[in-house]
Amino acid sequence: MAHLQVDYYSQVLGMDRTMNVILPELSNHNPTWTAETLQDIPVLYLLHGMSGDQSTWQRRTDIERLVRQTPLAIIMPSTDLAWYTNTQYGLNYFDAIAKELPEKVASFFPQLSTKRSKNFVVGLSMGGYGAFKMAFATDKFSYAASLSGALVGETDTLLDLESLTYWRGIFGDLDHFIGSDNDILTLAERCENKPKLYDWIGEQDEFKQLNDTAVSKLKQLSYDITYETSPGRHEWYYWDKQIERVLEWLPINYVQEERLS
């Protein structure tokens, strides 16, 4: 697998941006791969949480090792602290990541698939919110997964994370959050081409009730959602373990490496 840091200009944001990319390549590690294998490659967008950036998944997990034998490209962008949202302060991060970035990826890497059936989005914490939001609000992703996602319903939870001033800069007036374009359950109601969903939350995670409530409502809306819980907190130790479960769930030819006993 090749690792690339791609510096590019976002016309939507009006500034230079960076994405990290894990890209399948012909090598002795995968002798059965051919040039034909590496065409129309499935793509996974991997989204970070509040304290992260485009490098965090690689620094905190075994993601590169996990996909070493799997023909899957991974795109890791950064939303800074903007919650994959078109902010009230004028920077449209949602449009830049959910709409502009796939077009950039297709132009830079023509061997990657642009088919909805082969494009997936996964995130943790803030990125879990972003993954579901991107899947509901666009028609680009057929599968979406959230790990310990901040699946915001009642906005009181937000005030435990940051100040009201901060949230007003992101979402605007929180009194009008529910029912808005930033409310993922409202987006889920509007979504016509429903993605398949996966959600995991640790039983000791502060977002557990948010996830219970969100999953219940998504099931009422007839979404095909796999919901799993297990002992765990809001920590990378658990996300490193759960990303492999997500890879097994995705409709890809995921190849697990043999582990030495």
Protein backbone atom coordinates (compact mmCIF):
# COMPACT_ATOMS: atom_id res chain seq x y z
CA MET A 1 0.00 0.00 0.00
CA ALA A 2 1.19 3.49 -0.80
CA HIS A 3 0.79 6.35 1.66
CA LEU A 4 0.36 9.82 0.22
CA GLN A 5 -0.04 13.25 1.76
CA VAL A 6 -1.98 15.30 -0.77
CA ASP A 7 -1.87 19.08 -0.45
CA TYR A 8 -4.55 20.69 -2.58
CA TYR A 9 -6.52 23.90 -2.88
CA SER A 10 -10.17 23.95 -1.82
CA GLN A 11 -12.15 26.43 -3.83
CA VAL A 12 -15.06 25.99 -1.42
CA LEU A 13 -12.99 27.00 1.60
CA GLY A 14 -10.67 29.34 -0.27
CA MET A 15 -7.54 27.85 1.25
CA ASP A 16 -4.99 25.06 1.00
CA ARG A 17 -5.99 21.76 2.56
CA THR A 18 -4.38 18.37 3.20
CA MET A 19 -5.71 14.85 2.99
CA ASN A 20 -3.88 11.62 3.76
CA VAL A 21 -4.45 8.70 1.41
CA ILE A 22 -3.78 4.97 1.66
CA LEU A 23 -3.69 3.64 -1.88
CA PRO A 24 -3.45 0.04 -3.12
CA GLU A 25 -0.50 -0.59 -5.41
CA LEU A 26 1.13 -3.51 -7.19
CA SER A 27 3.73 -5.09 -4.91
CA ASN A 28 5.24 -8.39 -3.79
CA HIS A 29 2.96 -8.28 -0.73
CA ASN A 30 -0.01 -8.98 -2.99
CA PRO A 31 1.27 -11.15 -5.86
CA THR A 32 -2.24 -11.98 -7.10
CA TRP A 33 -3.15 -8.35 -7.70
CA THR A 34 -3.06 -7.19 -11.31
CA ALA A 35 -3.57 -3.88 -13.07
CA GLU A 36 -7.17 -4.96 -13.57
CA THR A 37 -7.59 -5.58 -9.83
CA LEU A 38 -6.59 -2.00 -9.16
CA GLN A 39 -9.29 -0.40 -11.28
CA ASP A 40 -12.64 0.81 -9.98
CA ILE A 41 -11.24 0.44 -6.44
CA PRO A 42 -13.68 0.89 -3.53
CA VAL A 43 -13.13 4.03 -1.46
CA LEU A 44 -13.48 4.57 2.29
CA TYR A 45 -13.62 8.12 3.68
CA LEU A 46 -12.34 7.97 7.26
CA LEU A 47 -13.33 10.93 9.45
CA HIS A 48 -11.59 12.15 12.61
CA GLY A 49 -13.01 13.42 15.91
CA MET A 50 -12.70 16.76 17.71
CA SER A 51 -9.06 16.45 18.74
CA GLY A 52 -7.84 15.03 15.43
CA ASP A 53 -6.83 15.87 11.89
CA GLN A 54 -6.13 14.01 8.64
CA SER A 55 -3.25 12.06 10.24
CA THR A 56 -4.93 10.84 13.43
CA TRP A 57 -6.33 7.53 12.22
CA GLN A 58 -2.88 6.45 11.03
CA ARG A 59 -1.12 7.59 14.19
CA ARG A 60 -3.60 6.04 16.63
CA THR A 61 -4.70 2.80 14.91
CA ASP A 62 -3.44 -0.10 12.82
CA ILE A 63 -5.50 0.93 9.81
CA GLU A 64 -2.59 0.68 7.33
CA ARG A 65 -1.72 -2.83 8.47
CA LEU A 66 -5.36 -3.90 8.48
CA VAL A 67 -5.92 -3.03 4.82
CA ARG A 68 -2.48 -4.09 3.54
CA GLN A 69 -3.94 -7.03 1.62
CA THR A 70 -7.28 -5.46 0.74
CA PRO A 71 -7.87 -3.54 -2.51
CA LEU A 72 -9.42 -0.54 -0.77
CA ALA A 73 -8.42 3.12 -0.92
CA ILE A 74 -8.76 5.22 2.23
CA ILE A 75 -9.22 8.98 2.14
CA MET A 76 -8.60 10.89 5.39
CA PRO A 77 -9.56 14.59 5.28
CA SER A 78 -9.66 17.20 8.04
CA THR A 79 -12.59 19.33 9.12
CA ASP A 80 -10.57 21.05 11.87
CA LEU A 81 -13.14 21.69 14.64
CA ALA A 82 -16.00 22.50 12.28
CA TRP A 83 -18.13 19.38 12.73
CA TYR A 84 -18.37 18.59 9.00
CA THR A 85 -20.68 21.58 8.79
CA ASN A 86 -21.23 24.74 6.78
CA THR A 87 -20.43 27.02 9.69
CA GLN A 88 -22.07 30.26 10.68
CA TYR A 89 -18.70 32.03 10.37
CA GLY A 90 -18.64 31.46 6.61
CA LEU A 91 -16.45 28.38 6.09
CA ASN A 92 -18.43 25.64 4.35
CA TYR A 93 -16.66 22.53 5.59
CA PHE A 94 -19.57 20.23 4.77
CA ASP A 95 -19.59 21.26 1.12
CA ALA A 96 -15.79 21.03 0.99
CA ILE A 97 -15.64 17.46 2.34
CA ALA A 98 -18.93 15.88 1.27
CA LYS A 99 -19.17 17.41 -2.21
CA GLU A 100 -15.91 18.98 -3.39
CA LEU A 101 -13.48 16.42 -2.00
CA PRO A 102 -14.90 13.36 -3.86
CA GLU A 103 -14.51 15.33 -7.10
CA LYS A 104 -10.89 16.13 -6.20
CA VAL A 105 -10.24 12.47 -5.36
CA ALA A 106 -11.70 11.32 -8.68
CA SER A 107 -9.51 13.78 -10.60
CA PHE A 108 -6.31 12.87 -8.71
CA PHE A 109 -6.92 9.09 -8.65
CA PRO A 110 -8.93 7.95 -11.68
CA GLN A 111 -8.49 4.29 -10.68
CA LEU A 112 -10.82 4.86 -7.71
CA SER A 113 -14.50 4.11 -8.08
CA THR A 114 -17.04 6.92 -8.26
CA LYS A 115 -19.96 4.48 -7.90
CA ARG A 116 -22.15 4.99 -4.85
CA SER A 117 -22.08 1.23 -4.26
CA LYS A 118 -18.30 1.39 -3.80
CA ASN A 119 -18.03 4.56 -1.71
CA PHE A 120 -18.28 4.38 2.08
CA VAL A 121 -17.88 6.80 4.99
CA VAL A 122 -16.84 6.00 8.57
CA GLY A 123 -16.04 8.25 11.51
CA LEU A 124 -15.55 8.37 15.25
CA SER A 125 -17.06 10.76 17.79
CA MET A 126 -17.52 14.05 15.89
CA GLY A 127 -16.65 12.04 12.79
CA GLY A 128 -19.46 9.58 13.53
CA TYR A 129 -21.87 12.49 13.35
CA GLY A 130 -20.13 13.58 10.15
CA ALA A 131 -20.31 10.12 8.56
CA PHE A 132 -24.07 9.78 9.07
CA LYS A 133 -24.62 13.39 8.02
CA MET A 134 -22.69 12.94 4.78
CA ALA A 135 -24.49 9.69 3.98
CA PHE A 136 -27.97 11.15 4.62
CA ALA A 137 -27.43 14.55 2.97
CA THR A 138 -25.74 13.35 -0.23
CA ASP A 139 -26.25 10.39 -2.53
CA LYS A 140 -22.56 9.48 -2.65
CA PHE A 141 -22.21 6.78 0.04
CA SER A 142 -23.90 3.38 0.21
CA TYR A 143 -22.55 2.44 3.66
CA ALA A 144 -21.90 4.64 6.70
CA ALA A 145 -20.52 3.71 10.11
CA SER A 146 -20.23 5.58 13.39
CA LEU A 147 -17.93 4.64 16.26
CA SER A 148 -18.84 6.35 19.54
CA GLY A 149 -20.61 8.95 17.44
CA ALA A 150 -21.85 12.25 18.80
CA LEU A 151 -25.26 11.53 17.29
CA VAL A 152 -26.71 14.76 18.58
CA GLY A 153 -30.41 15.00 19.32
CA GLU A 154 -31.04 17.19 22.33
CA THR A 155 -28.39 19.90 22.18
CA ASP A 156 -27.79 20.03 25.94
CA THR A 157 -25.10 17.42 25.34
CA LEU A 158 -23.16 19.87 23.19
CA LEU A 159 -22.76 22.31 26.05
CA ASP A 160 -20.88 19.63 28.01
CA LEU A 161 -18.25 19.65 25.25
CA GLU A 162 -17.75 23.33 24.38
CA SER A 163 -19.15 26.79 25.12
CA LEU A 164 -22.38 28.18 23.70
CA THR A 165 -20.33 30.75 21.75
CA TYR A 166 -18.45 27.95 20.01
CA TRP A 167 -21.64 26.10 19.04
CA ARG A 168 -23.29 29.25 17.74
CA GLY A 169 -20.30 29.66 15.44
CA ILE A 170 -20.79 26.12 14.12
CA PHE A 171 -24.55 25.54 14.08
CA GLY A 172 -26.08 28.93 14.81
CA ASP A 173 -28.95 29.28 17.29
CA LEU A 174 -29.20 25.92 19.10
CA ASP A 175 -32.89 26.54 19.71
CA HIS A 176 -33.33 25.92 15.98
CA PHE A 177 -30.94 22.95 15.70
CA ILE A 178 -33.62 20.24 15.70
CA GLY A 179 -35.24 20.15 12.30
CA SER A 180 -32.33 21.96 10.64
CA ASP A 181 -29.88 20.77 7.96
CA ASN A 182 -27.47 19.91 10.79
CA ASP A 183 -29.88 17.55 12.57
CA ILE A 184 -28.96 14.08 11.31
CA LEU A 185 -32.34 12.60 12.21
CA THR A 186 -34.09 15.26 10.14
CA LEU A 187 -31.69 14.47 7.31
CA ALA A 188 -32.44 10.77 7.76
CA GLU A 189 -36.16 11.46 7.37
CA ARG A 190 -35.54 13.33 4.11
CA CYS A 191 -33.12 10.76 2.68
CA GLU A 192 -34.65 8.82 -0.20
CA ASN A 193 -31.83 6.41 -1.09
CA LYS A 194 -31.07 4.98 2.34
CA PRO A 195 -27.48 3.88 3.07
CA LYS A 196 -26.77 0.83 5.18
CA LEU A 197 -25.60 1.81 8.66
CA TYR A 198 -23.37 0.46 11.41
CA ASP A 199 -23.11 1.93 14.89
CA TRP A 200 -20.92 0.94 17.81
CA ILE A 201 -20.83 2.58 21.22
CA GLY A 202 -19.05 1.61 24.43
CA GLU A 203 -21.30 0.82 27.37
CA GLN A 204 -19.41 3.31 29.57
CA ASP A 205 -19.35 6.05 26.91
CA GLU A 206 -20.97 9.40 27.72
CA PHE A 207 -22.70 9.28 24.30
CA LYS A 208 -24.40 5.92 24.97
CA GLN A 209 -27.88 7.39 25.48
CA LEU A 210 -27.52 9.56 22.37
CA ASN A 211 -26.76 6.45 20.33
CA ASP A 212 -29.59 4.40 21.87
CA THR A 213 -32.06 7.16 20.99
CA ALA A 214 -30.70 7.77 17.49
CA VAL A 215 -30.63 4.08 16.58
CA SER A 216 -34.20 3.61 17.81
CA LYS A 217 -35.40 6.45 15.60
CA LEU A 218 -33.41 5.24 12.60
CA LYS A 219 -34.99 1.79 12.96
CA GLN A 220 -38.42 3.47 13.04
CA LEU A 221 -37.45 5.10 9.73
CA SER A 222 -36.74 1.60 8.31
CA TYR A 223 -32.98 1.95 8.04
CA ASP A 224 -30.91 -1.21 7.78
CA ILE A 225 -28.71 -0.55 10.82
CA THR A 226 -26.42 -2.87 12.72
CA TYR A 227 -26.10 -1.65 16.31
CA GLU A 228 -23.47 -3.16 18.58
CA THR A 229 -22.33 -2.28 22.08
CA SER A 230 -19.66 -3.71 24.32
CA PRO A 231 -17.70 -2.62 27.38
CA GLY A 232 -15.75 0.48 26.50
CA ARG A 233 -15.17 4.20 26.93
CA HIS A 234 -14.56 7.13 24.58
CA GLU A 235 -10.97 6.10 23.79
CA TRP A 236 -8.73 5.10 20.90
CA TYR A 237 -8.07 1.69 22.48
CA TYR A 238 -11.63 0.70 21.52
CA TRP A 239 -11.75 2.48 18.15
CA ASP A 240 -8.60 0.65 17.06
CA LYS A 241 -10.38 -2.63 17.75
CA GLN A 242 -13.71 -1.62 16.24
CA ILE A 243 -12.37 -0.36 12.90
CA GLU A 244 -11.55 -3.97 12.00
CA ARG A 245 -15.15 -4.93 12.74
CA VAL A 246 -16.24 -2.15 10.37
CA LEU A 247 -13.94 -3.46 7.64
CA GLU A 248 -15.52 -6.89 8.03
CA TRP A 249 -18.99 -5.33 7.75
CA LEU A 250 -18.29 -3.33 4.59
CA PRO A 251 -19.02 -5.00 1.21
CA ILE A 252 -15.34 -5.33 0.31
CA ASN A 253 -12.96 -8.22 -0.11
CA TYR A 254 -11.40 -7.66 3.29
CA VAL A 255 -8.40 -9.93 3.88
CA GLN A 256 -7.31 -10.43 7.44
CA GLU A 257 -3.61 -10.89 8.03
CA GLU A 258 -2.50 -14.03 9.81
CA ARG A 259 -1.53 -13.36 13.38
CA LEU A 260 1.46 -15.06 14.94
CA SER A 261 0.59 -16.92 18.13
